[in-house]
């Protein structure tokens, strides 16, 4: 669970930036941002996620679970858009 604020919507580059401001991630990370960019390709798009984070300490693990979250979100959006 987390609370994010929308930082950027760039329609020209199909890019959205979100900054996490509250939640479980903030217990381990000083800062955490998601950048999502969709690049049109053939009949769909290629989605690129960038995770920018600063750990509170060197003992904090890399955010691999958030990478899986990004994959799952992309698949969910794809499934929804494929039905339209």
N, C-alpha and C. Protein backbone atom coordinates (compact mmCIF):
# COMPACT_ATOMS: atom_id res chain seq x y z
N UNK A 1 0.84 -1.17 0.00
CA UNK A 1 0.00 0.00 0.00
C UNK A 1 0.88 1.23 0.00
N UNK A 2 0.49 2.18 -0.81
CA UNK A 2 1.23 3.44 -0.85
C UNK A 2 0.32 4.55 -1.35
N UNK A 3 0.77 5.75 -1.10
CA UNK A 3 0.08 6.93 -1.60
C UNK A 3 1.07 7.66 -2.50
N UNK A 4 0.63 7.96 -3.72
CA UNK A 4 1.48 8.63 -4.68
C UNK A 4 0.88 9.96 -5.09
N UNK A 5 1.74 10.83 -5.56
CA UNK A 5 1.28 12.07 -6.19
C UNK A 5 1.75 12.05 -7.63
N UNK A 6 0.92 12.60 -8.48
CA UNK A 6 1.23 12.69 -9.89
C UNK A 6 2.16 13.88 -10.10
N UNK A 7 3.34 13.63 -10.63
CA UNK A 7 4.33 14.69 -10.85
C UNK A 7 4.27 15.20 -12.28
N UNK A 8 4.20 14.28 -13.23
CA UNK A 8 4.27 14.66 -14.64
C UNK A 8 3.28 13.85 -15.47
N UNK A 9 2.60 14.54 -16.38
CA UNK A 9 1.87 13.89 -17.46
C UNK A 9 2.39 14.54 -18.73
N UNK A 10 3.07 13.76 -19.54
CA UNK A 10 3.65 14.25 -20.79
C UNK A 10 2.96 13.52 -21.94
N UNK A 11 1.90 14.12 -22.47
CA UNK A 11 1.12 13.48 -23.54
C UNK A 11 1.95 13.27 -24.80
N UNK A 12 2.82 14.20 -25.12
CA UNK A 12 3.63 14.11 -26.34
C UNK A 12 4.52 12.87 -26.30
N UNK A 13 5.13 12.59 -25.14
CA UNK A 13 6.04 11.45 -25.00
C UNK A 13 5.40 10.24 -24.34
N UNK A 14 4.08 10.30 -24.11
CA UNK A 14 3.34 9.19 -23.50
C UNK A 14 3.98 8.76 -22.17
N UNK A 15 4.25 9.74 -21.30
CA UNK A 15 5.01 9.50 -20.09
C UNK A 15 4.27 10.03 -18.86
N UNK A 16 4.32 9.25 -17.79
CA UNK A 16 3.72 9.65 -16.51
C UNK A 16 4.76 9.40 -15.42
N UNK A 17 4.89 10.36 -14.49
CA UNK A 17 5.79 10.21 -13.35
C UNK A 17 4.97 10.32 -12.07
N UNK A 18 5.17 9.34 -11.18
CA UNK A 18 4.51 9.32 -9.87
C UNK A 18 5.56 9.29 -8.77
N UNK A 19 5.29 10.01 -7.70
CA UNK A 19 6.20 10.01 -6.54
C UNK A 19 5.45 9.44 -5.35
N UNK A 20 6.06 8.46 -4.69
CA UNK A 20 5.47 7.86 -3.49
C UNK A 20 5.70 8.82 -2.32
N UNK A 21 4.62 9.11 -1.58
CA UNK A 21 4.75 10.03 -0.45
C UNK A 21 4.39 9.40 0.89
N UNK A 22 3.70 8.27 0.86
CA UNK A 22 3.32 7.57 2.09
C UNK A 22 3.23 6.07 1.81
N UNK A 23 3.33 5.29 2.88
CA UNK A 23 3.11 3.86 2.76
C UNK A 23 4.33 3.03 3.10
N UNK A 24 4.21 1.73 2.83
CA UNK A 24 5.25 0.78 3.20
C UNK A 24 6.60 1.07 2.57
N UNK A 25 6.61 1.54 1.33
CA UNK A 25 7.89 1.83 0.68
C UNK A 25 8.68 2.89 1.44
N UNK A 26 7.98 3.82 2.05
CA UNK A 26 8.67 4.91 2.74
C UNK A 26 9.31 4.44 4.06
N UNK A 27 9.02 3.21 4.47
CA UNK A 27 9.68 2.64 5.65
C UNK A 27 11.11 2.19 5.32
N UNK A 28 11.37 1.96 4.02
CA UNK A 28 12.68 1.47 3.60
C UNK A 28 13.43 2.42 2.68
N UNK A 29 12.69 3.33 2.05
CA UNK A 29 13.30 4.20 1.05
C UNK A 29 13.07 5.66 1.41
N UNK A 30 14.11 6.45 1.22
CA UNK A 30 14.03 7.89 1.46
C UNK A 30 13.16 8.55 0.39
N UNK A 31 13.28 8.06 -0.83
CA UNK A 31 12.46 8.56 -1.94
C UNK A 31 12.21 7.41 -2.91
N UNK A 32 11.09 7.51 -3.62
CA UNK A 32 10.73 6.47 -4.57
C UNK A 32 9.84 7.08 -5.64
N UNK A 33 10.25 6.95 -6.91
CA UNK A 33 9.46 7.44 -8.04
C UNK A 33 9.27 6.33 -9.07
N UNK A 34 8.14 6.39 -9.73
CA UNK A 34 7.85 5.51 -10.87
C UNK A 34 7.71 6.40 -12.10
N UNK A 35 8.40 6.02 -13.16
CA UNK A 35 8.21 6.68 -14.44
C UNK A 35 7.73 5.61 -15.41
N UNK A 36 6.59 5.87 -16.04
CA UNK A 36 6.00 4.91 -16.98
C UNK A 36 5.89 5.60 -18.33
N UNK A 37 6.48 4.95 -19.36
CA UNK A 37 6.41 5.51 -20.70
C UNK A 37 5.94 4.45 -21.67
N UNK A 38 4.98 4.81 -22.49
CA UNK A 38 4.46 3.92 -23.52
C UNK A 38 4.92 4.43 -24.88
N UNK A 39 5.55 3.56 -25.64
CA UNK A 39 6.01 3.91 -26.99
C UNK A 39 5.16 3.14 -27.99
N UNK A 40 4.39 3.87 -28.81
CA UNK A 40 3.54 3.19 -29.79
C UNK A 40 4.36 2.27 -30.69
N UNK A 41 3.81 1.05 -30.91
CA UNK A 41 4.49 0.05 -31.73
C UNK A 41 3.44 -0.83 -32.39
N UNK A 42 3.43 -0.84 -33.71
CA UNK A 42 2.47 -1.63 -34.48
C UNK A 42 1.05 -1.36 -33.97
N UNK A 43 0.37 -2.39 -33.48
CA UNK A 43 -1.01 -2.23 -33.02
C UNK A 43 -1.11 -1.99 -31.52
N UNK A 44 0.00 -1.82 -30.85
CA UNK A 44 -0.02 -1.62 -29.40
C UNK A 44 1.06 -0.65 -28.99
N UNK A 45 1.64 -0.90 -27.85
CA UNK A 45 2.70 -0.05 -27.32
C UNK A 45 3.70 -0.90 -26.55
N UNK A 46 4.90 -0.40 -26.48
CA UNK A 46 5.94 -0.97 -25.64
C UNK A 46 5.98 -0.11 -24.38
N UNK A 47 5.84 -0.73 -23.20
CA UNK A 47 5.80 0.03 -21.94
C UNK A 47 7.12 -0.14 -21.22
N UNK A 48 7.69 0.98 -20.81
CA UNK A 48 8.97 1.00 -20.12
C UNK A 48 8.75 1.62 -18.74
N UNK A 49 9.08 0.87 -17.70
CA UNK A 49 8.98 1.36 -16.32
C UNK A 49 10.38 1.70 -15.82
N UNK A 50 10.51 2.84 -15.16
CA UNK A 50 11.76 3.21 -14.50
C UNK A 50 11.43 3.44 -13.03
N UNK A 51 12.19 2.80 -12.16
CA UNK A 51 12.03 2.98 -10.72
C UNK A 51 13.26 3.74 -10.21
N UNK A 52 13.03 4.89 -9.63
CA UNK A 52 14.11 5.69 -9.07
C UNK A 52 13.91 5.72 -7.57
N UNK A 53 14.91 5.26 -6.84
CA UNK A 53 14.75 5.16 -5.40
C UNK A 53 16.05 5.48 -4.68
N UNK A 54 15.90 5.91 -3.43
CA UNK A 54 17.04 6.12 -2.55
C UNK A 54 16.76 5.35 -1.26
N UNK A 55 17.63 4.41 -0.96
CA UNK A 55 17.45 3.57 0.22
C UNK A 55 17.75 4.35 1.50
N UNK A 56 17.05 4.00 2.58
CA UNK A 56 17.35 4.60 3.88
C UNK A 56 18.67 4.09 4.44
N UNK A 57 19.06 2.86 4.07
CA UNK A 57 20.35 2.30 4.51
C UNK A 57 20.81 1.28 3.48
N UNK A 58 22.07 0.91 3.57
CA UNK A 58 22.63 -0.08 2.63
C UNK A 58 22.04 -1.47 2.85
N UNK A 59 21.41 -1.69 4.01
CA UNK A 59 20.81 -2.99 4.32
C UNK A 59 19.47 -3.21 3.64
N UNK A 60 18.89 -2.17 3.08
CA UNK A 60 17.59 -2.27 2.43
C UNK A 60 17.78 -3.01 1.09
N UNK A 61 16.96 -4.04 0.83
CA UNK A 61 17.11 -4.79 -0.42
C UNK A 61 16.65 -3.96 -1.63
N UNK A 62 17.10 -4.37 -2.80
CA UNK A 62 16.63 -3.74 -4.03
C UNK A 62 15.13 -3.99 -4.17
N UNK A 63 14.41 -3.08 -4.81
CA UNK A 63 12.95 -3.19 -4.88
C UNK A 63 12.45 -4.15 -5.96
N UNK A 64 12.92 -5.38 -5.93
CA UNK A 64 12.53 -6.36 -6.95
C UNK A 64 11.03 -6.65 -6.94
N UNK A 65 10.39 -6.59 -5.79
CA UNK A 65 8.95 -6.83 -5.74
C UNK A 65 8.19 -5.74 -6.49
N UNK A 66 8.76 -4.55 -6.53
CA UNK A 66 8.11 -3.47 -7.26
C UNK A 66 8.23 -3.68 -8.77
N UNK A 67 9.30 -4.33 -9.19
CA UNK A 67 9.42 -4.68 -10.61
C UNK A 67 8.32 -5.66 -11.01
N UNK A 68 8.04 -6.63 -10.15
CA UNK A 68 6.96 -7.58 -10.43
C UNK A 68 5.62 -6.85 -10.44
N UNK A 69 5.45 -5.90 -9.54
CA UNK A 69 4.23 -5.08 -9.52
C UNK A 69 4.05 -4.37 -10.86
N UNK A 70 5.13 -3.80 -11.39
CA UNK A 70 5.07 -3.09 -12.67
C UNK A 70 4.66 -4.04 -13.80
N UNK A 71 5.23 -5.24 -13.80
CA UNK A 71 4.88 -6.24 -14.81
C UNK A 71 3.40 -6.60 -14.71
N UNK A 72 2.93 -6.84 -13.49
CA UNK A 72 1.53 -7.21 -13.29
C UNK A 72 0.58 -6.08 -13.71
N UNK A 73 0.94 -4.85 -13.38
CA UNK A 73 0.11 -3.70 -13.77
C UNK A 73 0.02 -3.58 -15.28
N UNK A 74 1.15 -3.75 -15.94
CA UNK A 74 1.18 -3.66 -17.40
C UNK A 74 0.31 -4.75 -18.03
N UNK A 75 0.39 -5.95 -17.51
CA UNK A 75 -0.44 -7.05 -18.02
C UNK A 75 -1.92 -6.78 -17.80
N UNK A 76 -2.26 -6.22 -16.64
CA UNK A 76 -3.66 -5.89 -16.35
C UNK A 76 -4.20 -4.83 -17.32
N UNK A 77 -3.41 -3.80 -17.56
CA UNK A 77 -3.83 -2.75 -18.51
C UNK A 77 -3.96 -3.33 -19.91
N UNK A 78 -3.00 -4.16 -20.31
CA UNK A 78 -3.05 -4.79 -21.62
C UNK A 78 -4.31 -5.63 -21.79
N UNK A 79 -4.63 -6.42 -20.77
CA UNK A 79 -5.83 -7.27 -20.83
C UNK A 79 -7.09 -6.41 -20.95
N UNK A 80 -7.12 -5.32 -20.23
CA UNK A 80 -8.29 -4.44 -20.28
C UNK A 80 -8.41 -3.79 -21.65
N UNK A 81 -7.32 -3.26 -22.17
CA UNK A 81 -7.35 -2.58 -23.46
C UNK A 81 -7.61 -3.55 -24.60
N UNK A 82 -7.23 -4.80 -24.46
CA UNK A 82 -7.47 -5.80 -25.50
C UNK A 82 -8.95 -6.13 -25.62
N UNK A 83 -9.72 -5.89 -24.57
CA UNK A 83 -11.15 -6.16 -24.59
C UNK A 83 -11.95 -5.02 -25.23
N UNK A 84 -11.35 -3.86 -25.33
CA UNK A 84 -12.06 -2.67 -25.85
C UNK A 84 -12.20 -2.74 -27.34
